[in-house]
Amino acid sequence: MDNDQFDDALLRAAMERAALYGWGRLSVVDAARDAGVPLDEARRRFPVKTAILLKLGRLADESALVDDGSTGDVRERLFDVLMRRFDVLQQYREGVRAVMRALPFDPALALFLAATTAESMRWMAGAAGLDISGPAGALRIQGLIGVWAYTMRAWERDDSEDMSRTMAALDQALDRATRLGSMLTRRRAATPEITQPMEPIDPSIDLPLDPQPDQF
C-alpha cells in the first residue's frame, strides 16, 4: 500500500465513522483500525484529527485545479472549479455533513476550516483568472468565500443525485456577485483594456443566510 492508498483508506474510514457517530467522537486511532492500517503510520501521516480534513481539502482542490482545457469567462470558470470541488465532497457526503453539524459546538474547528477555506478559495480564484492582487483582490476572495459558504448550505440539503440544487445555488450566488460589483474582474494582464476596474464589493453581505428550498 503506497502513501496515497493509505491516506485514501484512512480518509474514507474516518468519514464513514464520522457519519455514524459524529465528528466529535471520531479519533484517528478508530479510523485507522476501521481502515486496517498500521497505527504507527497513521500517527505519522495524521498526527491530529484535523489532518483528515486537510487531506480531504487537498483532494478537492487538486481535482478542481486540473486543467481540463475549458474556456469561458471568469464566472464560467469559477462555476466549473467550484463544482469540481463539490464532486469530491459528494463522495464523502455524510461525513462532511457530520463535520458541518459539529461546527456550532467546536469553535476551534470552525476557525480551522475558515482558514483552510480561505486558502482554497484563493487557489480557486487564481485558477479561474480572477484578479486577486492587492486590497481589491482580498475583497474579491472574501466575496468568493461568501459564494462558497452559501452554496455549501444548499449542498448540505441537496439530496439529488446530480446535485441540481447545488448547481442552482452556485449559479444564484455567482449571479448575485456579478451584479454587486467587480468580483469577477479578470487579471489585468488578461484584459489590458480594463484600466479602471470598479471598486469591488463583497457579495457575501447581500447573500441570504440560508438558501430558500423553494428556489432550487
N, C-alpha and C. Protein backbone atom coordinates (compact mmCIF):
# COMPACT_ATOMS: atom_id res chain seq x y z
N MET A 1 0.85 -1.20 0.00
CA MET A 1 0.00 0.00 0.00
C MET A 1 0.88 1.25 0.00
N ASP A 2 0.74 2.08 -1.04
CA ASP A 2 1.54 3.30 -1.08
C ASP A 2 0.87 4.39 -0.24
N ASN A 3 1.51 5.56 -0.18
CA ASN A 3 1.01 6.63 0.69
C ASN A 3 -0.38 7.10 0.28
N ASP A 4 -0.61 7.23 -1.02
CA ASP A 4 -1.92 7.69 -1.48
C ASP A 4 -3.01 6.69 -1.11
N GLN A 5 -2.74 5.41 -1.29
CA GLN A 5 -3.71 4.39 -0.93
C GLN A 5 -3.96 4.38 0.57
N PHE A 6 -2.89 4.54 1.34
CA PHE A 6 -3.02 4.61 2.80
C PHE A 6 -3.92 5.77 3.20
N ASP A 7 -3.62 6.95 2.66
CA ASP A 7 -4.39 8.15 3.02
C ASP A 7 -5.85 8.01 2.61
N ASP A 8 -6.08 7.47 1.42
CA ASP A 8 -7.46 7.32 0.94
C ASP A 8 -8.24 6.35 1.82
N ALA A 9 -7.59 5.26 2.23
CA ALA A 9 -8.27 4.28 3.08
C ALA A 9 -8.63 4.88 4.43
N LEU A 10 -7.69 5.62 5.02
CA LEU A 10 -7.97 6.21 6.32
C LEU A 10 -9.01 7.32 6.21
N LEU A 11 -8.92 8.12 5.16
CA LEU A 11 -9.90 9.19 4.96
C LEU A 11 -11.31 8.63 4.82
N ARG A 12 -11.46 7.60 4.01
CA ARG A 12 -12.79 7.03 3.81
C ARG A 12 -13.33 6.43 5.10
N ALA A 13 -12.47 5.72 5.83
CA ALA A 13 -12.90 5.14 7.11
C ALA A 13 -13.28 6.24 8.10
N ALA A 14 -12.53 7.32 8.12
CA ALA A 14 -12.82 8.41 9.05
C ALA A 14 -14.15 9.07 8.72
N MET A 15 -14.41 9.32 7.45
CA MET A 15 -15.66 9.97 7.07
C MET A 15 -16.86 9.06 7.33
N GLU A 16 -16.68 7.76 7.12
CA GLU A 16 -17.76 6.82 7.41
C GLU A 16 -18.05 6.77 8.91
N ARG A 17 -17.00 6.79 9.72
CA ARG A 17 -17.20 6.77 11.17
C ARG A 17 -17.81 8.08 11.65
N ALA A 18 -17.38 9.20 11.08
CA ALA A 18 -17.97 10.49 11.46
C ALA A 18 -19.45 10.52 11.12
N ALA A 19 -19.82 9.95 9.98
CA ALA A 19 -21.22 9.91 9.58
C ALA A 19 -22.05 9.10 10.57
N LEU A 20 -21.47 8.04 11.11
CA LEU A 20 -22.20 7.16 12.03
C LEU A 20 -22.27 7.72 13.45
N TYR A 21 -21.15 8.28 13.93
CA TYR A 21 -21.06 8.64 15.35
C TYR A 21 -20.86 10.12 15.61
N GLY A 22 -20.65 10.91 14.56
CA GLY A 22 -20.41 12.33 14.74
C GLY A 22 -18.92 12.64 14.72
N TRP A 23 -18.60 13.86 14.27
CA TRP A 23 -17.20 14.26 14.19
C TRP A 23 -16.55 14.31 15.57
N GLY A 24 -17.28 14.74 16.57
CA GLY A 24 -16.70 14.88 17.90
C GLY A 24 -16.23 13.57 18.50
N ARG A 25 -16.85 12.47 18.12
CA ARG A 25 -16.49 11.16 18.68
C ARG A 25 -15.47 10.42 17.82
N LEU A 26 -15.06 11.03 16.73
CA LEU A 26 -14.09 10.39 15.84
C LEU A 26 -12.67 10.56 16.39
N SER A 27 -11.86 9.53 16.25
CA SER A 27 -10.43 9.63 16.53
C SER A 27 -9.66 9.00 15.38
N VAL A 28 -8.42 9.44 15.20
CA VAL A 28 -7.58 8.87 14.15
C VAL A 28 -7.32 7.39 14.44
N VAL A 29 -7.20 7.04 15.71
CA VAL A 29 -6.97 5.64 16.08
C VAL A 29 -8.13 4.77 15.60
N ASP A 30 -9.36 5.20 15.88
CA ASP A 30 -10.53 4.42 15.45
C ASP A 30 -10.59 4.32 13.92
N ALA A 31 -10.31 5.43 13.24
CA ALA A 31 -10.34 5.41 11.78
C ALA A 31 -9.29 4.47 11.22
N ALA A 32 -8.10 4.48 11.82
CA ALA A 32 -7.03 3.60 11.35
C ALA A 32 -7.40 2.13 11.55
N ARG A 33 -8.01 1.83 12.69
CA ARG A 33 -8.43 0.45 12.94
C ARG A 33 -9.51 0.02 11.95
N ASP A 34 -10.46 0.91 11.69
CA ASP A 34 -11.51 0.59 10.71
C ASP A 34 -10.91 0.36 9.33
N ALA A 35 -9.89 1.15 8.99
CA ALA A 35 -9.27 1.04 7.67
C ALA A 35 -8.30 -0.13 7.58
N GLY A 36 -7.92 -0.70 8.73
CA GLY A 36 -6.98 -1.81 8.74
C GLY A 36 -5.57 -1.40 8.40
N VAL A 37 -5.18 -0.19 8.83
CA VAL A 37 -3.83 0.30 8.54
C VAL A 37 -3.04 0.41 9.84
N PRO A 38 -1.71 0.35 9.77
CA PRO A 38 -0.89 0.39 10.99
C PRO A 38 -1.05 1.70 11.75
N LEU A 39 -1.15 1.61 13.06
CA LEU A 39 -1.34 2.80 13.88
C LEU A 39 -0.12 3.72 13.86
N ASP A 40 1.09 3.14 13.80
CA ASP A 40 2.27 4.00 13.82
C ASP A 40 2.35 4.86 12.56
N GLU A 41 1.96 4.28 11.42
CA GLU A 41 1.96 5.06 10.19
C GLU A 41 0.83 6.09 10.19
N ALA A 42 -0.31 5.72 10.78
CA ALA A 42 -1.41 6.68 10.90
C ALA A 42 -0.99 7.86 11.76
N ARG A 43 -0.25 7.59 12.84
CA ARG A 43 0.23 8.67 13.71
C ARG A 43 1.18 9.59 12.96
N ARG A 44 2.00 9.01 12.09
CA ARG A 44 2.97 9.81 11.35
C ARG A 44 2.29 10.67 10.28
N ARG A 45 1.31 10.10 9.59
CA ARG A 45 0.69 10.81 8.47
C ARG A 45 -0.50 11.67 8.90
N PHE A 46 -1.14 11.32 10.01
CA PHE A 46 -2.28 12.09 10.51
C PHE A 46 -2.08 12.36 12.00
N PRO A 47 -1.16 13.25 12.35
CA PRO A 47 -0.83 13.46 13.77
C PRO A 47 -1.97 14.06 14.57
N VAL A 48 -2.87 14.79 13.91
CA VAL A 48 -4.05 15.35 14.59
C VAL A 48 -5.27 15.06 13.73
N LYS A 49 -6.44 15.11 14.36
CA LYS A 49 -7.67 14.75 13.64
C LYS A 49 -7.95 15.67 12.47
N THR A 50 -7.63 16.95 12.62
CA THR A 50 -7.91 17.89 11.53
C THR A 50 -7.07 17.60 10.28
N ALA A 51 -6.01 16.79 10.43
CA ALA A 51 -5.24 16.40 9.25
C ALA A 51 -6.10 15.61 8.27
N ILE A 52 -7.14 14.95 8.78
CA ILE A 52 -8.08 14.24 7.91
C ILE A 52 -8.78 15.23 6.99
N LEU A 53 -9.19 16.37 7.56
CA LEU A 53 -9.87 17.38 6.76
C LEU A 53 -8.91 18.09 5.81
N LEU A 54 -7.65 18.24 6.22
CA LEU A 54 -6.65 18.79 5.31
C LEU A 54 -6.49 17.90 4.09
N LYS A 55 -6.46 16.59 4.32
CA LYS A 55 -6.34 15.65 3.20
C LYS A 55 -7.54 15.76 2.28
N LEU A 56 -8.73 15.82 2.84
CA LEU A 56 -9.92 15.95 2.01
C LEU A 56 -9.90 17.25 1.23
N GLY A 57 -9.51 18.34 1.88
CA GLY A 57 -9.44 19.62 1.20
C GLY A 57 -8.44 19.61 0.05
N ARG A 58 -7.29 18.96 0.26
CA ARG A 58 -6.30 18.88 -0.81
C ARG A 58 -6.83 18.08 -1.99
N LEU A 59 -7.52 16.98 -1.71
CA LEU A 59 -8.11 16.19 -2.79
C LEU A 59 -9.10 17.03 -3.59
N ALA A 60 -9.93 17.79 -2.88
CA ALA A 60 -10.93 18.62 -3.56
C ALA A 60 -10.25 19.71 -4.39
N ASP A 61 -9.22 20.34 -3.83
CA ASP A 61 -8.52 21.39 -4.56
C ASP A 61 -7.80 20.84 -5.78
N GLU A 62 -7.13 19.71 -5.62
CA GLU A 62 -6.38 19.14 -6.74
C GLU A 62 -7.32 18.76 -7.88
N SER A 63 -8.49 18.22 -7.53
CA SER A 63 -9.46 17.88 -8.56
C SER A 63 -9.96 19.14 -9.27
N ALA A 64 -10.20 20.19 -8.51
CA ALA A 64 -10.70 21.44 -9.09
C ALA A 64 -9.68 22.11 -9.98
N LEU A 65 -8.40 21.96 -9.64
CA LEU A 65 -7.34 22.69 -10.34
C LEU A 65 -6.81 21.98 -11.57
N VAL A 66 -7.30 20.77 -11.85
CA VAL A 66 -6.87 20.07 -13.06
C VAL A 66 -7.28 20.90 -14.28
N ASP A 67 -6.34 21.14 -15.16
CA ASP A 67 -6.62 21.93 -16.37
C ASP A 67 -7.31 21.02 -17.38
N ASP A 68 -8.62 21.25 -17.56
CA ASP A 68 -9.37 20.42 -18.50
C ASP A 68 -9.51 21.07 -19.87
N GLY A 69 -8.80 22.18 -20.07
CA GLY A 69 -8.83 22.84 -21.37
C GLY A 69 -10.08 23.63 -21.64
N SER A 70 -10.94 23.80 -20.62
CA SER A 70 -12.18 24.52 -20.84
C SER A 70 -11.91 26.01 -21.01
N THR A 71 -12.77 26.65 -21.78
CA THR A 71 -12.67 28.08 -22.00
C THR A 71 -13.93 28.75 -21.46
N GLY A 72 -13.93 30.06 -21.47
CA GLY A 72 -15.09 30.79 -20.97
C GLY A 72 -14.63 31.96 -20.15
N ASP A 73 -15.60 32.74 -19.68
CA ASP A 73 -15.24 33.89 -18.87
C ASP A 73 -14.96 33.47 -17.43
N VAL A 74 -14.62 34.45 -16.60
CA VAL A 74 -14.25 34.15 -15.22
C VAL A 74 -15.39 33.46 -14.49
N ARG A 75 -16.60 33.94 -14.68
CA ARG A 75 -17.75 33.35 -13.99
C ARG A 75 -17.91 31.88 -14.34
N GLU A 76 -17.80 31.55 -15.63
CA GLU A 76 -17.96 30.17 -16.06
C GLU A 76 -16.86 29.28 -15.49
N ARG A 77 -15.63 29.81 -15.44
CA ARG A 77 -14.54 29.01 -14.89
C ARG A 77 -14.68 28.84 -13.38
N LEU A 78 -15.17 29.87 -12.70
CA LEU A 78 -15.43 29.72 -11.26
C LEU A 78 -16.47 28.65 -11.02
N PHE A 79 -17.52 28.66 -11.81
CA PHE A 79 -18.56 27.64 -11.66
C PHE A 79 -17.95 26.24 -11.83
N ASP A 80 -17.10 26.08 -12.83
CA ASP A 80 -16.52 24.77 -13.11
C ASP A 80 -15.61 24.30 -11.96
N VAL A 81 -14.71 25.17 -11.49
CA VAL A 81 -13.77 24.73 -10.46
C VAL A 81 -14.48 24.46 -9.14
N LEU A 82 -15.48 25.27 -8.81
CA LEU A 82 -16.19 25.05 -7.55
C LEU A 82 -17.03 23.78 -7.60
N MET A 83 -17.64 23.50 -8.75
CA MET A 83 -18.42 22.26 -8.85
C MET A 83 -17.51 21.04 -8.81
N ARG A 84 -16.29 21.16 -9.32
CA ARG A 84 -15.37 20.02 -9.22
C ARG A 84 -14.99 19.76 -7.76
N ARG A 85 -14.92 20.81 -6.95
CA ARG A 85 -14.70 20.61 -5.51
C ARG A 85 -15.88 19.85 -4.91
N PHE A 86 -17.10 20.24 -5.29
CA PHE A 86 -18.27 19.54 -4.76
C PHE A 86 -18.32 18.09 -5.21
N ASP A 87 -17.82 17.80 -6.41
CA ASP A 87 -17.79 16.41 -6.88
C ASP A 87 -16.99 15.53 -5.91
N VAL A 88 -15.89 16.08 -5.38
CA VAL A 88 -15.09 15.31 -4.42
C VAL A 88 -15.81 15.21 -3.08
N LEU A 89 -16.35 16.33 -2.58
CA LEU A 89 -17.05 16.29 -1.30
C LEU A 89 -18.24 15.33 -1.35
N GLN A 90 -18.86 15.22 -2.51
CA GLN A 90 -20.03 14.35 -2.64
C GLN A 90 -19.67 12.89 -2.35
N GLN A 91 -18.43 12.51 -2.61
CA GLN A 91 -18.00 11.13 -2.35
C GLN A 91 -17.95 10.83 -0.85
N TYR A 92 -17.86 11.87 -0.03
CA TYR A 92 -17.78 11.71 1.42
C TYR A 92 -18.93 12.48 2.09
N ARG A 93 -20.04 12.52 1.42
CA ARG A 93 -21.13 13.43 1.76
C ARG A 93 -21.55 13.36 3.23
N GLU A 94 -21.88 12.18 3.72
CA GLU A 94 -22.42 12.08 5.08
C GLU A 94 -21.37 12.44 6.12
N GLY A 95 -20.12 12.12 5.86
CA GLY A 95 -19.06 12.51 6.78
C GLY A 95 -18.87 14.01 6.82
N VAL A 96 -18.90 14.65 5.64
CA VAL A 96 -18.76 16.11 5.59
C VAL A 96 -19.94 16.78 6.29
N ARG A 97 -21.13 16.25 6.10
CA ARG A 97 -22.30 16.81 6.79
C ARG A 97 -22.15 16.68 8.30
N ALA A 98 -21.53 15.61 8.76
CA ALA A 98 -21.28 15.45 10.20
C ALA A 98 -20.33 16.54 10.70
N VAL A 99 -19.32 16.86 9.90
CA VAL A 99 -18.40 17.94 10.26
C VAL A 99 -19.16 19.27 10.33
N MET A 100 -20.03 19.53 9.37
CA MET A 100 -20.79 20.78 9.36
C MET A 100 -21.70 20.89 10.57
N ARG A 101 -22.28 19.77 10.99
CA ARG A 101 -23.15 19.80 12.18
C ARG A 101 -22.35 20.08 13.45
N ALA A 102 -21.07 19.73 13.44
CA ALA A 102 -20.23 19.94 14.63
C ALA A 102 -19.75 21.38 14.76
N LEU A 103 -19.77 22.15 13.69
CA LEU A 103 -19.17 23.48 13.69
C LEU A 103 -19.72 24.41 14.77
N PRO A 104 -21.04 24.48 15.00
CA PRO A 104 -21.54 25.41 16.02
C PRO A 104 -21.05 25.10 17.43
N PHE A 105 -20.60 23.88 17.66
CA PHE A 105 -20.20 23.45 19.00
C PHE A 105 -18.68 23.31 19.15
N ASP A 106 -17.95 23.64 18.11
CA ASP A 106 -16.50 23.45 18.12
C ASP A 106 -15.83 24.68 17.50
N PRO A 107 -15.61 25.74 18.29
CA PRO A 107 -15.02 26.98 17.74
C PRO A 107 -13.66 26.76 17.10
N ALA A 108 -12.84 25.89 17.68
CA ALA A 108 -11.51 25.65 17.11
C ALA A 108 -11.63 25.04 15.72
N LEU A 109 -12.56 24.11 15.55
CA LEU A 109 -12.78 23.52 14.24
C LEU A 109 -13.28 24.56 13.25
N ALA A 110 -14.18 25.43 13.71
CA ALA A 110 -14.71 26.48 12.83
C ALA A 110 -13.60 27.42 12.37
N LEU A 111 -12.70 27.80 13.27
CA LEU A 111 -11.59 28.68 12.90
C LEU A 111 -10.64 27.98 11.93
N PHE A 112 -10.39 26.71 12.19
CA PHE A 112 -9.51 25.93 11.31
C PHE A 112 -10.08 25.87 9.90
N LEU A 113 -11.36 25.55 9.79
CA LEU A 113 -11.97 25.43 8.46
C LEU A 113 -12.10 26.79 7.78
N ALA A 114 -12.29 27.85 8.55
CA ALA A 114 -12.34 29.18 7.95
C ALA A 114 -11.01 29.51 7.28
N ALA A 115 -9.91 29.18 7.95
CA ALA A 115 -8.58 29.46 7.39
C ALA A 115 -8.30 28.61 6.16
N THR A 116 -8.61 27.32 6.23
CA THR A 116 -8.32 26.45 5.10
C THR A 116 -9.23 26.76 3.91
N THR A 117 -10.47 27.14 4.18
CA THR A 117 -11.38 27.51 3.10
C THR A 117 -10.89 28.77 2.40
N ALA A 118 -10.42 29.74 3.17
CA ALA A 118 -9.90 30.98 2.57
C ALA A 118 -8.74 30.68 1.63
N GLU A 119 -7.84 29.79 2.05
CA GLU A 119 -6.71 29.45 1.19
C GLU A 119 -7.17 28.71 -0.06
N SER A 120 -8.14 27.80 0.10
CA SER A 120 -8.67 27.09 -1.06
C SER A 120 -9.32 28.06 -2.05
N MET A 121 -10.08 29.02 -1.54
CA MET A 121 -10.74 29.97 -2.42
C MET A 121 -9.74 30.87 -3.13
N ARG A 122 -8.60 31.13 -2.49
CA ARG A 122 -7.55 31.89 -3.17
C ARG A 122 -7.05 31.11 -4.40
N TRP A 123 -6.86 29.81 -4.23
CA TRP A 123 -6.44 28.98 -5.35
C TRP A 123 -7.52 28.92 -6.43
N MET A 124 -8.78 28.77 -6.02
CA MET A 124 -9.86 28.68 -7.00
C MET A 124 -9.97 29.98 -7.80
N ALA A 125 -9.85 31.11 -7.09
CA ALA A 125 -9.95 32.41 -7.76
C ALA A 125 -8.82 32.58 -8.77
N GLY A 126 -7.60 32.23 -8.35
CA GLY A 126 -6.47 32.35 -9.26
C GLY A 126 -6.61 31.46 -10.48
N ALA A 127 -7.09 30.23 -10.26
CA ALA A 127 -7.25 29.29 -11.37
C ALA A 127 -8.29 29.78 -12.37
N ALA A 128 -9.31 30.48 -11.88
CA ALA A 128 -10.37 30.97 -12.76
C ALA A 128 -10.00 32.26 -13.47
N GLY A 129 -8.86 32.85 -13.10
CA GLY A 129 -8.44 34.08 -13.75
C GLY A 129 -8.89 35.34 -13.05
N LEU A 130 -9.35 35.22 -11.82
CA LEU A 130 -9.80 36.39 -11.07
C LEU A 130 -8.59 37.19 -10.59
N ASP A 131 -8.68 38.50 -10.67
CA ASP A 131 -7.61 39.37 -10.19
C ASP A 131 -7.66 39.39 -8.66
N ILE A 132 -6.65 38.78 -8.01
CA ILE A 132 -6.65 38.70 -6.55
C ILE A 132 -5.49 39.49 -5.96
N SER A 133 -4.95 40.43 -6.71
CA SER A 133 -3.83 41.22 -6.21
C SER A 133 -4.33 42.40 -5.38
N GLY A 134 -3.56 42.75 -4.35
CA GLY A 134 -3.83 43.95 -3.57
C GLY A 134 -5.09 43.86 -2.72
N PRO A 135 -5.46 45.00 -2.11
CA PRO A 135 -6.65 45.04 -1.26
C PRO A 135 -7.93 44.66 -2.01
N ALA A 136 -8.04 45.10 -3.26
CA ALA A 136 -9.23 44.75 -4.04
C ALA A 136 -9.32 43.24 -4.24
N GLY A 137 -8.17 42.60 -4.48
CA GLY A 137 -8.17 41.15 -4.63
C GLY A 137 -8.58 40.44 -3.36
N ALA A 138 -8.15 40.97 -2.21
CA ALA A 138 -8.53 40.38 -0.93
C ALA A 138 -10.04 40.44 -0.75
N LEU A 139 -10.66 41.54 -1.16
CA LEU A 139 -12.11 41.65 -1.07
C LEU A 139 -12.81 40.66 -2.00
N ARG A 140 -12.22 40.46 -3.17
CA ARG A 140 -12.82 39.50 -4.10
C ARG A 140 -12.77 38.09 -3.52
N ILE A 141 -11.66 37.76 -2.87
CA ILE A 141 -11.56 36.44 -2.25
C ILE A 141 -12.61 36.29 -1.15
N GLN A 142 -12.81 37.35 -0.35
CA GLN A 142 -13.85 37.30 0.67
C GLN A 142 -15.22 37.10 0.03
N GLY A 143 -15.43 37.75 -1.10
CA GLY A 143 -16.69 37.55 -1.81
C GLY A 143 -16.87 36.13 -2.27
N LEU A 144 -15.78 35.52 -2.76
CA LEU A 144 -15.86 34.13 -3.22
C LEU A 144 -16.10 33.19 -2.05
N ILE A 145 -15.53 33.51 -0.88
CA ILE A 145 -15.81 32.71 0.31
C ILE A 145 -17.30 32.76 0.63
N GLY A 146 -17.92 33.94 0.47
CA GLY A 146 -19.36 34.05 0.68
C GLY A 146 -20.14 33.20 -0.30
N VAL A 147 -19.72 33.19 -1.56
CA VAL A 147 -20.36 32.35 -2.58
C VAL A 147 -20.25 30.88 -2.20
N TRP A 148 -19.06 30.46 -1.77
CA TRP A 148 -18.85 29.06 -1.39
C TRP A 148 -19.70 28.68 -0.18
N ALA A 149 -19.72 29.54 0.84
CA ALA A 149 -20.47 29.22 2.05
C ALA A 149 -21.96 29.09 1.74
N TYR A 150 -22.48 29.99 0.93
CA TYR A 150 -23.89 29.95 0.54
C TYR A 150 -24.21 28.64 -0.19
N THR A 151 -23.32 28.27 -1.11
CA THR A 151 -23.56 27.05 -1.89
C THR A 151 -23.39 25.80 -1.03
N MET A 152 -22.47 25.84 -0.07
CA MET A 152 -22.30 24.70 0.83
C MET A 152 -23.57 24.41 1.60
N ARG A 153 -24.28 25.46 2.04
CA ARG A 153 -25.52 25.24 2.78
C ARG A 153 -26.58 24.60 1.89
N ALA A 154 -26.58 24.98 0.61
CA ALA A 154 -27.51 24.33 -0.31
C ALA A 154 -27.10 22.87 -0.54
N TRP A 155 -25.80 22.63 -0.71
CA TRP A 155 -25.31 21.26 -0.93
C TRP A 155 -25.66 20.36 0.25
N GLU A 156 -25.56 20.89 1.46
CA GLU A 156 -25.86 20.09 2.65
C GLU A 156 -27.29 19.55 2.60
N ARG A 157 -28.20 20.30 1.98
CA ARG A 157 -29.61 19.91 1.92
C ARG A 157 -29.99 19.23 0.61
N ASP A 158 -29.06 19.17 -0.31
CA ASP A 158 -29.36 18.68 -1.66
C ASP A 158 -29.26 17.16 -1.68
N ASP A 159 -30.41 16.49 -1.80
CA ASP A 159 -30.41 15.04 -1.84
C ASP A 159 -30.55 14.48 -3.26
N SER A 160 -30.39 15.34 -4.26
CA SER A 160 -30.49 14.89 -5.65
C SER A 160 -29.19 14.21 -6.06
N GLU A 161 -29.28 13.24 -6.96
CA GLU A 161 -28.09 12.52 -7.40
C GLU A 161 -27.19 13.39 -8.26
N ASP A 162 -27.78 14.32 -9.00
CA ASP A 162 -26.98 15.15 -9.91
C ASP A 162 -26.60 16.50 -9.30
N MET A 163 -26.87 16.70 -8.02
CA MET A 163 -26.56 17.95 -7.32
C MET A 163 -27.18 19.16 -8.02
N SER A 164 -28.38 18.99 -8.53
CA SER A 164 -29.03 20.07 -9.28
C SER A 164 -29.31 21.29 -8.41
N ARG A 165 -29.70 21.07 -7.16
CA ARG A 165 -29.97 22.21 -6.28
C ARG A 165 -28.68 22.93 -5.92
N THR A 166 -27.60 22.18 -5.80
CA THR A 166 -26.31 22.80 -5.53
C THR A 166 -25.88 23.67 -6.70
N MET A 167 -26.02 23.16 -7.91
CA MET A 167 -25.66 23.95 -9.09
C MET A 167 -26.52 25.20 -9.21
N ALA A 168 -27.81 25.07 -8.89
CA ALA A 168 -28.69 26.23 -8.94
C ALA A 168 -28.27 27.27 -7.91
N ALA A 169 -27.90 26.82 -6.72
CA ALA A 169 -27.46 27.76 -5.68
C ALA A 169 -26.17 28.46 -6.08
N LEU A 170 -25.24 27.71 -6.67
CA LEU A 170 -23.99 28.32 -7.12
C LEU A 170 -24.24 29.33 -8.22
N ASP A 171 -25.10 28.99 -9.15
CA ASP A 171 -25.48 29.94 -10.20
C ASP A 171 -26.04 31.23 -9.59
N GLN A 172 -26.94 31.06 -8.64
CA GLN A 172 -27.57 32.21 -8.00
C GLN A 172 -26.54 33.07 -7.28
N ALA A 173 -25.63 32.43 -6.55
CA ALA A 173 -24.63 33.18 -5.79
C ALA A 173 -23.67 33.92 -6.72
N LEU A 174 -23.25 33.27 -7.80
CA LEU A 174 -22.35 33.94 -8.74
C LEU A 174 -23.05 35.08 -9.47
N ASP A 175 -24.33 34.89 -9.79
CA ASP A 175 -25.09 35.98 -10.41
C ASP A 175 -25.17 37.17 -9.47
N ARG A 176 -25.43 36.90 -8.18
CA ARG A 176 -25.50 37.98 -7.20
C ARG A 176 -24.16 38.70 -7.09
N ALA A 177 -23.09 37.93 -7.09
CA ALA A 177 -21.76 38.53 -7.00
C ALA A 177 -21.48 39.42 -8.21
N THR A 178 -21.90 38.95 -9.39
CA THR A 178 -21.69 39.73 -10.61
C THR A 178 -22.45 41.04 -10.57
N ARG A 179 -23.69 40.99 -10.07
CA ARG A 179 -24.50 42.21 -10.02
C ARG A 179 -23.96 43.21 -9.00
N LEU A 180 -23.39 42.71 -7.92
CA LEU A 180 -22.98 43.60 -6.83
C LEU A 180 -21.68 44.33 -7.09
N GLY A 181 -20.87 43.85 -7.99
CA GLY A 181 -19.61 44.55 -8.19
C GLY A 181 -18.70 43.83 -9.14
N SER A 182 -17.42 44.12 -9.03
CA SER A 182 -16.44 43.60 -9.98
C SER A 182 -15.68 42.42 -9.41
N MET A 183 -16.33 41.59 -8.58
CA MET A 183 -15.63 40.44 -8.04
C MET A 183 -15.08 39.56 -9.15
N LEU A 184 -15.76 39.56 -10.29
CA LEU A 184 -15.37 38.66 -11.37
C LEU A 184 -14.46 39.33 -12.39
N THR A 185 -13.80 40.41 -11.99
CA THR A 185 -12.86 41.07 -12.89
C THR A 185 -11.68 40.16 -13.18
N ARG A 186 -11.30 40.07 -14.45
CA ARG A 186 -10.14 39.27 -14.82
C ARG A 186 -8.86 39.94 -14.37
N ARG A 187 -7.78 39.17 -14.38
CA ARG A 187 -6.47 39.76 -14.16
C ARG A 187 -6.22 40.80 -15.24
N ARG A 188 -5.57 41.88 -14.87
CA ARG A 188 -5.33 42.95 -15.83
C ARG A 188 -4.50 42.47 -17.01
N ALA A 189 -3.57 41.54 -16.75
CA ALA A 189 -2.74 41.05 -17.85
C ALA A 189 -3.58 40.34 -18.90
N ALA A 190 -4.69 39.75 -18.46
CA ALA A 190 -5.54 39.02 -19.41
C ALA A 190 -6.43 39.96 -20.19
N THR A 191 -6.76 41.13 -19.60
CA THR A 191 -7.62 42.10 -20.27
C THR A 191 -7.03 43.49 -20.09
N PRO A 192 -5.98 43.83 -20.84
CA PRO A 192 -5.30 45.09 -20.63
C PRO A 192 -6.16 46.30 -20.92
N GLU A 193 -7.29 46.10 -21.61
CA GLU A 193 -8.12 47.26 -21.91
C GLU A 193 -8.84 47.78 -20.67
N ILE A 194 -8.90 46.99 -19.59
CA ILE A 194 -9.55 47.44 -18.37
C ILE A 194 -8.51 48.18 -17.54
N THR A 195 -8.63 49.47 -17.45
CA THR A 195 -7.64 50.26 -16.72
C THR A 195 -8.18 50.79 -15.41
N GLN A 196 -9.49 50.94 -15.29
CA GLN A 196 -10.08 51.44 -14.06
C GLN A 196 -11.21 50.52 -13.62
N PRO A 197 -10.88 49.36 -13.01
CA PRO A 197 -11.94 48.46 -12.58
C PRO A 197 -12.79 49.10 -11.49
N MET A 198 -14.05 48.69 -11.43
CA MET A 198 -14.94 49.19 -10.40
C MET A 198 -14.44 48.78 -9.03
N GLU A 199 -14.79 49.55 -8.02
CA GLU A 199 -14.46 49.18 -6.65
C GLU A 199 -15.19 47.89 -6.31
N PRO A 200 -14.47 46.83 -5.92
CA PRO A 200 -15.13 45.55 -5.65
C PRO A 200 -16.01 45.62 -4.42
N ILE A 201 -17.07 44.85 -4.45
CA ILE A 201 -17.98 44.76 -3.32
C ILE A 201 -18.07 43.31 -2.90
N ASP A 202 -18.02 43.07 -1.62
CA ASP A 202 -18.10 41.72 -1.09
C ASP A 202 -19.53 41.22 -1.25
N PRO A 203 -19.78 40.22 -2.12
CA PRO A 203 -21.15 39.78 -2.34
C PRO A 203 -21.74 39.06 -1.15
N SER A 204 -20.91 38.60 -0.21
CA SER A 204 -21.46 37.85 0.92
C SER A 204 -22.35 38.71 1.80
N ILE A 205 -22.21 40.05 1.71
CA ILE A 205 -23.03 40.89 2.57
C ILE A 205 -24.48 40.90 2.13
N ASP A 206 -24.74 40.49 0.89
CA ASP A 206 -26.10 40.53 0.39
C ASP A 206 -26.65 39.15 0.10
N LEU A 207 -25.92 38.12 0.51
CA LEU A 207 -26.42 36.77 0.32
C LEU A 207 -27.24 36.37 1.53
N PRO A 208 -28.40 35.74 1.34
CA PRO A 208 -29.19 35.30 2.48
C PRO A 208 -28.42 34.29 3.31
N LEU A 209 -28.72 34.23 4.60
CA LEU A 209 -28.01 33.32 5.48
C LEU A 209 -28.22 31.88 5.08
N ASP A 210 -29.38 31.56 4.57
CA ASP A 210 -29.67 30.21 4.14
C ASP A 210 -30.40 30.24 2.81
N PRO A 211 -30.06 29.33 1.88
CA PRO A 211 -30.80 29.27 0.64
C PRO A 211 -32.23 28.82 0.90
N GLN A 212 -33.18 29.43 0.22
CA GLN A 212 -34.57 29.03 0.39
C GLN A 212 -34.85 27.79 -0.43
N PRO A 213 -35.39 26.72 0.18
CA PRO A 213 -35.57 25.46 -0.53
C PRO A 213 -36.38 25.60 -1.80
N ASP A 214 -37.37 26.51 -1.82
CA ASP A 214 -38.22 26.59 -3.00
C ASP A 214 -37.56 27.31 -4.15
N GLN A 215 -36.32 27.78 -3.96
CA GLN A 215 -35.62 28.45 -5.04
C GLN A 215 -34.80 27.48 -5.87
N PHE A 216 -34.68 26.24 -5.45
CA PHE A 216 -33.78 25.32 -6.14
C PHE A 216 -34.54 24.10 -6.62
